[in-house]
């Protein structure tokens, strides 16, 4: 999606540790008009996939997931990063290692929101090493549901998570694929 690449070049900042900061439009301050277009593009890419639910992990992927769910007219399921008092005790869960935060957390979702009849599209803001996708895939499999694929706003190809997931037969549609980053340059895969 050229619009995503353009927005990254205009607004993104490369931080130490291969971190691409896009908080000013994608996940802290939200450019709602831009995100509406992102949701429409995800809906276009997966229009024939039979998606019944969109799934993401709190918090950075929520805005993108909601826009995609709105465009596809399906529910968005938000997986919590930590169990909480208002969450059912009957949950699916997975341990997920976070590249950005350098920790491991227990992702949980109440069983009432996911079932064997669901065909789930995972939506997230970034794909780096693929740990979040692997964790969500595990939750989907625990529910007996199907994985329709993954829609990612920004894939960092140099961290190879996308390659590994595609090698497992998972459909990955990334709106921008960053091939390399330096302090002053961001290069996208053609």
Protein backbone atom coordinates (compact mmCIF):
# COMPACT_ATOMS: atom_id res chain seq x y z
CA UNK A 1 0.00 0.00 0.00
CA UNK A 2 1.82 3.07 -1.25
CA UNK A 3 -0.19 5.26 1.12
CA UNK A 4 1.29 3.41 4.13
CA UNK A 5 4.83 3.71 2.77
CA UNK A 6 4.34 7.42 2.13
CA UNK A 7 2.97 7.98 5.66
CA UNK A 8 5.94 6.13 7.19
CA UNK A 9 8.41 8.25 5.22
CA UNK A 10 6.61 11.47 6.18
CA UNK A 11 5.95 10.71 9.84
CA UNK A 12 8.04 7.73 10.97
CA UNK A 13 11.24 7.87 13.03
CA UNK A 14 13.86 5.15 13.38
CA UNK A 15 14.96 4.60 16.99
CA UNK A 16 17.88 2.52 18.30
CA UNK A 17 17.26 -1.23 18.40
CA UNK A 18 15.45 -1.42 15.03
CA UNK A 19 12.37 0.32 16.42
CA UNK A 20 10.22 2.22 13.92
CA UNK A 21 8.23 4.87 15.76
CA UNK A 22 4.89 5.61 14.06
CA UNK A 23 2.95 6.66 17.14
CA UNK A 24 1.99 9.98 15.61
CA UNK A 25 -0.45 8.34 13.18
CA UNK A 26 -0.79 4.60 13.83
CA UNK A 27 -0.87 3.65 17.47
CA UNK A 28 -0.73 6.54 19.96
CA UNK A 29 -2.13 9.52 18.11
CA UNK A 30 -4.51 8.14 15.52
CA UNK A 31 -4.99 9.54 12.03
CA UNK A 32 -8.55 8.26 11.74
CA UNK A 33 -9.00 9.15 8.07
CA UNK A 34 -5.79 7.29 7.22
CA UNK A 35 -6.79 4.31 9.39
CA UNK A 36 -10.17 4.17 7.65
CA UNK A 37 -8.31 3.66 4.37
CA UNK A 38 -6.13 1.00 6.02
CA UNK A 39 -9.28 -0.84 7.15
CA UNK A 40 -10.74 -0.68 3.65
CA UNK A 41 -7.53 -2.06 2.14
CA UNK A 42 -7.49 -4.98 4.59
CA UNK A 43 -11.14 -5.68 3.75
CA UNK A 44 -10.29 -5.62 0.03
CA UNK A 45 -7.37 -8.03 0.49
CA UNK A 46 -9.47 -10.54 2.47
CA UNK A 47 -12.89 -10.00 0.86
CA UNK A 48 -13.12 -13.62 -0.36
CA UNK A 49 -11.55 -15.29 2.69
CA UNK A 50 -14.78 -15.89 4.64
CA UNK A 51 -13.58 -13.98 7.70
CA UNK A 52 -16.01 -14.12 10.65
CA UNK A 53 -13.86 -12.31 13.23
CA UNK A 54 -10.86 -10.02 13.44
CA UNK A 55 -8.38 -10.62 16.28
CA UNK A 56 -5.59 -8.45 17.69
CA UNK A 57 -3.64 -8.00 20.90
CA UNK A 58 -4.12 -4.89 23.01
CA UNK A 59 -3.20 -2.10 22.57
CA UNK A 60 -1.37 -0.95 19.45
CA UNK A 61 -3.28 -3.12 16.99
CA UNK A 62 -6.75 -2.17 18.24
CA UNK A 63 -7.35 0.85 16.00
CA UNK A 64 -6.35 -1.03 12.85
CA UNK A 65 -8.39 -4.08 13.85
CA UNK A 66 -11.48 -1.99 14.55
CA UNK A 67 -11.23 -0.21 11.20
CA UNK A 68 -10.81 -3.54 9.39
CA UNK A 69 -13.73 -5.04 11.34
CA UNK A 70 -15.89 -2.07 10.45
CA UNK A 71 -15.03 -2.38 6.76
CA UNK A 72 -15.69 -6.15 6.84
CA UNK A 73 -18.78 -5.95 9.08
CA UNK A 74 -17.47 -8.54 11.56
CA UNK A 75 -16.65 -8.37 15.29
CA UNK A 76 -13.18 -7.40 16.50
CA UNK A 77 -11.84 -9.58 19.33
CA UNK A 78 -9.21 -7.95 21.52
CA UNK A 79 -6.82 -10.33 23.26
CA UNK A 80 -5.69 -8.99 26.64
CA UNK A 81 -2.01 -8.96 27.56
CA UNK A 82 -2.77 -9.78 31.18
CA UNK A 83 -5.61 -11.56 32.97
CA UNK A 84 -7.93 -9.11 34.76
CA UNK A 85 -10.78 -9.23 37.27
CA UNK A 86 -13.41 -8.46 34.62
CA UNK A 87 -12.33 -11.38 32.43
CA UNK A 88 -13.99 -14.76 32.62
CA UNK A 89 -11.96 -17.55 34.22
CA UNK A 90 -12.74 -19.70 31.16
CA UNK A 91 -10.11 -18.44 28.72
CA UNK A 92 -7.78 -19.37 25.92
CA UNK A 93 -4.21 -18.21 26.54
CA UNK A 94 -0.71 -18.16 25.11
CA UNK A 95 2.70 -17.03 26.33
CA UNK A 96 4.10 -14.38 23.98
CA UNK A 97 7.58 -12.83 23.92
CA UNK A 98 7.48 -9.13 23.03
CA UNK A 99 10.36 -7.86 20.89
CA UNK A 100 9.50 -4.20 21.53
CA UNK A 101 9.09 -4.49 25.31
CA UNK A 102 11.65 -7.28 25.86
CA UNK A 103 9.37 -9.33 28.10
CA UNK A 104 7.02 -12.32 28.07
CA UNK A 105 3.33 -11.91 28.80
CA UNK A 106 0.28 -14.15 29.01
CA UNK A 107 -2.24 -13.24 26.31
CA UNK A 108 -5.81 -14.20 27.19
CA UNK A 109 -9.25 -14.09 25.60
CA UNK A 110 -12.54 -15.36 27.03
CA UNK A 111 -13.71 -18.56 25.35
CA UNK A 112 -17.12 -17.00 24.74
CA UNK A 113 -15.62 -14.77 22.01
CA UNK A 114 -14.08 -17.50 19.87
CA UNK A 115 -15.41 -20.85 18.67
CA UNK A 116 -14.84 -23.68 16.21
CA UNK A 117 -17.05 -22.03 13.58
CA UNK A 118 -14.88 -18.91 13.38
CA UNK A 119 -12.53 -18.05 10.53
CA UNK A 120 -10.23 -15.49 12.13
CA UNK A 121 -8.14 -12.76 10.54
CA UNK A 122 -5.29 -11.58 12.76
CA UNK A 123 -4.64 -7.85 12.41
CA UNK A 124 -1.68 -6.04 13.97
CA UNK A 125 0.39 -2.92 13.60
CA UNK A 126 3.81 -4.61 13.27
CA UNK A 127 5.30 -7.94 12.28
CA UNK A 128 8.94 -8.32 13.31
CA UNK A 129 9.90 -11.74 14.71
CA UNK A 130 6.37 -13.14 14.49
CA UNK A 131 5.87 -13.97 18.16
CA UNK A 132 2.51 -12.22 18.51
CA UNK A 133 1.15 -13.99 15.42
CA UNK A 134 2.38 -17.36 16.72
CA UNK A 135 0.67 -16.74 20.07
CA UNK A 136 -2.62 -15.67 18.49
CA UNK A 137 -2.48 -18.63 16.10
CA UNK A 138 -2.11 -20.90 19.13
CA UNK A 139 -5.21 -19.33 20.73
CA UNK A 140 -7.19 -19.75 17.50
CA UNK A 141 -6.15 -23.41 17.26
CA UNK A 142 -7.09 -23.97 20.93
CA UNK A 143 -10.61 -22.80 20.08
CA UNK A 144 -10.78 -25.16 17.11
CA UNK A 145 -11.22 -22.13 14.84
CA UNK A 146 -9.49 -21.50 11.50
CA UNK A 147 -6.87 -18.90 10.69
CA UNK A 148 -7.83 -16.97 7.55
CA UNK A 149 -4.53 -15.10 7.52
CA UNK A 150 -2.82 -12.03 8.91
CA UNK A 151 -3.08 -8.38 7.91
CA UNK A 152 -0.14 -6.31 9.08
CA UNK A 153 0.31 -2.55 8.80
CA UNK A 154 4.13 -2.66 8.80
CA UNK A 155 6.34 -5.72 8.38
CA UNK A 156 10.04 -5.46 9.21
CA UNK A 157 11.30 -8.02 6.68
CA UNK A 158 14.88 -7.90 7.99
CA UNK A 159 13.68 -9.56 11.21
CA UNK A 160 12.34 -12.55 9.21
CA UNK A 161 9.14 -13.27 11.17
CA UNK A 162 7.05 -12.92 8.02
CA UNK A 163 9.30 -15.33 6.11
CA UNK A 164 8.99 -17.94 8.85
CA UNK A 165 5.20 -17.63 9.03
CA UNK A 166 4.80 -17.78 5.25
CA UNK A 167 6.99 -20.91 5.21
CA UNK A 168 4.39 -22.46 7.56
CA UNK A 169 1.71 -21.75 4.96
CA UNK A 170 0.20 -18.73 6.72
CA UNK A 171 -1.15 -16.02 4.45
CA UNK A 172 0.45 -12.69 5.40
CA UNK A 173 -0.64 -9.43 3.77
CA UNK A 174 1.54 -6.52 4.88
CA UNK A 175 0.62 -3.00 3.79
CA UNK A 176 4.25 -1.86 3.95
CA UNK A 177 7.31 -4.10 4.06
CA UNK A 178 10.44 -2.43 5.40
CA UNK A 179 13.51 -4.03 3.86
CA UNK A 180 16.05 -2.01 5.86
CA UNK A 181 16.30 0.97 8.21
CA UNK A 182 19.04 3.33 9.31
CA UNK A 183 18.86 6.56 11.29
CA UNK A 184 18.21 8.47 8.07
CA UNK A 185 16.82 5.96 5.55
CA UNK A 186 13.89 3.55 5.35
CA UNK A 187 13.87 1.22 2.35
CA UNK A 188 10.78 -0.74 1.34
CA UNK A 189 10.61 -4.06 -0.49
CA UNK A 190 9.30 -3.61 -4.02
